[in-house]
Amino acid sequence: MTETEVSVGAWVAFAELAGPALLVMLAVGLAAGMLQTATQIRETSVPFVLKLASLAVITSVGGRLMMQGVEGYATRLISALPGLVHG
């Protein structure tokens, strides 16, 4: 594993971990904004509570899948450390 592969692997692992949560938060925020606009309710706690609940659900449902990418990257990185250190 080269330094470039380490860097790219880190970004991919980050995207696998944070991507689903960010996409769900984006969708929930958009839906909450549309709902607030349609009903003219300007309460700031409504989107916050919806986003918090959706984050809890996505973490509970997909947390294991999200962590598999990080686990795979960490395993590859730890096994490649001797080659990276000693060149």
C-alpha atoms as a PDB file:
ATOM      1  CA  MET A   1       0.000   0.000   0.000  1.00  0.00           C
ATOM      2  CA  THR A   2       1.455   3.355  -1.038  1.00  0.00           C
ATOM      3  CA  GLU A   3       0.917   6.762   0.525  1.00  0.00           C
ATOM      4  CA  THR A   4      -1.563   7.599  -2.220  1.00  0.00           C
ATOM      5  CA  GLU A   5      -3.590   4.474  -1.526  1.00  0.00           C
ATOM      6  CA  VAL A   6      -3.605   5.350   2.177  1.00  0.00           C
ATOM      7  CA  SER A   7      -4.942   8.822   1.425  1.00  0.00           C
ATOM      8  CA  VAL A   8      -7.573   7.652  -1.054  1.00  0.00           C
ATOM      9  CA  GLY A   9      -8.605   4.838   1.282  1.00  0.00           C
ATOM     10  CA  ALA A  10      -9.084   7.301   4.120  1.00  0.00           C
ATOM     11  CA  TRP A  11     -11.343   9.483   1.980  1.00  0.00           C
ATOM     12  CA  VAL A  12     -13.353   6.492   0.810  1.00  0.00           C
ATOM     13  CA  ALA A  13     -13.760   5.223   4.384  1.00  0.00           C
ATOM     14  CA  PHE A  14     -14.865   8.698   5.470  1.00  0.00           C
ATOM     15  CA  ALA A  15     -17.409   8.856   2.643  1.00  0.00           C
ATOM     16  CA  GLU A  16     -18.767   5.416   3.554  1.00  0.00           C
ATOM     17  CA  LEU A  17     -19.099   6.455   7.177  1.00  0.00           C
ATOM     18  CA  ALA A  18     -20.480   9.978   6.816  1.00  0.00           C
ATOM     19  CA  GLY A  19     -22.184   9.805   3.418  1.00  0.00           C
ATOM     20  CA  PRO A  20     -25.424   8.036   4.346  1.00  0.00           C
ATOM     21  CA  ALA A  21     -25.969  10.217   7.403  1.00  0.00           C
ATOM     22  CA  LEU A  22     -25.299  13.411   5.455  1.00  0.00           C
ATOM     23  CA  LEU A  23     -27.642  12.411   2.636  1.00  0.00           C
ATOM     24  CA  VAL A  24     -30.432  11.567   5.087  1.00  0.00           C
ATOM     25  CA  MET A  25     -29.894  14.857   6.925  1.00  0.00           C
ATOM     26  CA  LEU A  26     -30.036  16.724   3.613  1.00  0.00           C
ATOM     27  CA  ALA A  27     -33.287  15.043   2.624  1.00  0.00           C
ATOM     28  CA  VAL A  28     -34.885  15.567   6.040  1.00  0.00           C
ATOM     29  CA  GLY A  29     -33.770  19.200   6.148  1.00  0.00           C
ATOM     30  CA  LEU A  30     -35.202  19.829   2.702  1.00  0.00           C
ATOM     31  CA  ALA A  31     -38.487  18.136   3.593  1.00  0.00           C
ATOM     32  CA  ALA A  32     -38.707  20.043   6.889  1.00  0.00           C
ATOM     33  CA  GLY A  33     -38.017  23.325   5.106  1.00  0.00           C
ATOM     34  CA  MET A  34     -40.711  22.626   2.543  1.00  0.00           C
ATOM     35  CA  LEU A  35     -43.138  21.663   5.315  1.00  0.00           C
ATOM     36  CA  GLN A  36     -42.342  24.827   7.254  1.00  0.00           C
ATOM     37  CA  THR A  37     -42.780  26.948   4.158  1.00  0.00           C
ATOM     38  CA  ALA A  38     -46.112  25.336   3.301  1.00  0.00           C
ATOM     39  CA  THR A  39     -47.500  25.698   6.824  1.00  0.00           C
ATOM     40  CA  GLN A  40     -45.707  28.997   7.630  1.00  0.00           C
ATOM     41  CA  ILE A  41     -44.410  27.583  10.907  1.00  0.00           C
ATOM     42  CA  ARG A  42     -41.071  29.211  11.719  1.00  0.00           C
ATOM     43  CA  GLU A  43     -40.092  27.105  14.718  1.00  0.00           C
ATOM     44  CA  THR A  44     -36.390  26.204  14.688  1.00  0.00           C
ATOM     45  CA  SER A  45     -36.789  23.140  16.876  1.00  0.00           C
ATOM     46  CA  VAL A  46     -38.900  21.266  14.298  1.00  0.00           C
ATOM     47  CA  PRO A  47     -36.082  20.570  11.798  1.00  0.00           C
ATOM     48  CA  PHE A  48     -33.629  19.944  14.627  1.00  0.00           C
ATOM     49  CA  VAL A  49     -35.812  17.264  16.210  1.00  0.00           C
ATOM     50  CA  LEU A  50     -36.534  15.673  12.826  1.00  0.00           C
ATOM     51  CA  LYS A  51     -32.833  15.593  11.925  1.00  0.00           C
ATOM     52  CA  LEU A  52     -31.886  14.202  15.335  1.00  0.00           C
ATOM     53  CA  ALA A  53     -34.494  11.454  15.075  1.00  0.00           C
ATOM     54  CA  SER A  54     -33.457  10.574  11.521  1.00  0.00           C
ATOM     55  CA  LEU A  55     -29.802  10.433  12.568  1.00  0.00           C
ATOM     56  CA  ALA A  56     -30.701   8.041  15.379  1.00  0.00           C
ATOM     57  CA  VAL A  57     -32.634   5.846  12.951  1.00  0.00           C
ATOM     58  CA  ILE A  58     -29.943   5.793  10.244  1.00  0.00           C
ATOM     59  CA  THR A  59     -27.253   5.054  12.815  1.00  0.00           C
ATOM     60  CA  SER A  60     -29.283   2.243  14.343  1.00  0.00           C
ATOM     61  CA  VAL A  61     -30.249   0.705  11.007  1.00  0.00           C
ATOM     62  CA  GLY A  62     -27.125   1.251   8.943  1.00  0.00           C
ATOM     63  CA  GLY A  63     -24.427   1.726  11.539  1.00  0.00           C
ATOM     64  CA  ARG A  64     -22.995  -1.730  11.074  1.00  0.00           C
ATOM     65  CA  LEU A  65     -22.722  -1.280   7.303  1.00  0.00           C
ATOM     66  CA  MET A  66     -21.191   2.157   7.705  1.00  0.00           C
ATOM     67  CA  MET A  67     -18.560   0.851  10.115  1.00  0.00           C
ATOM     68  CA  GLN A  68     -17.577  -2.053   7.852  1.00  0.00           C
ATOM     69  CA  GLY A  69     -15.847   0.360   5.488  1.00  0.00           C
ATOM     70  CA  VAL A  70     -13.870   1.921   8.313  1.00  0.00           C
ATOM     71  CA  GLU A  71     -13.007  -1.499   9.704  1.00  0.00           C
ATOM     72  CA  GLY A  72     -11.776  -2.736   6.327  1.00  0.00           C
ATOM     73  CA  TYR A  73      -9.645   0.367   5.844  1.00  0.00           C
ATOM     74  CA  ALA A  74      -8.171   0.098   9.335  1.00  0.00           C
ATOM     75  CA  THR A  75      -7.350  -3.562   8.774  1.00  0.00           C
ATOM     76  CA  ARG A  76      -5.612  -2.827   5.472  1.00  0.00           C
ATOM     77  CA  LEU A  77      -3.763   0.121   6.984  1.00  0.00           C
ATOM     78  CA  ILE A  78      -2.509  -1.774  10.017  1.00  0.00           C
ATOM     79  CA  SER A  79      -1.323  -4.687   7.875  1.00  0.00           C
ATOM     80  CA  ALA A  80       0.469  -2.251   5.534  1.00  0.00           C
ATOM     81  CA  LEU A  81       2.200  -0.236   8.293  1.00  0.00           C
ATOM     82  CA  PRO A  82       5.489  -2.179   8.241  1.00  0.00           C
ATOM     83  CA  GLY A  83       5.847  -1.605   4.503  1.00  0.00           C
ATOM     84  CA  LEU A  84       4.998   2.083   4.859  1.00  0.00           C
ATOM     85  CA  VAL A  85       7.450   2.655   7.701  1.00  0.00           C
ATOM     86  CA  HIS A  86      10.359   0.719   6.241  1.00  0.00           C
ATOM     87  CA  GLY A  87       9.773   1.799   2.667  1.00  0.00           C
END
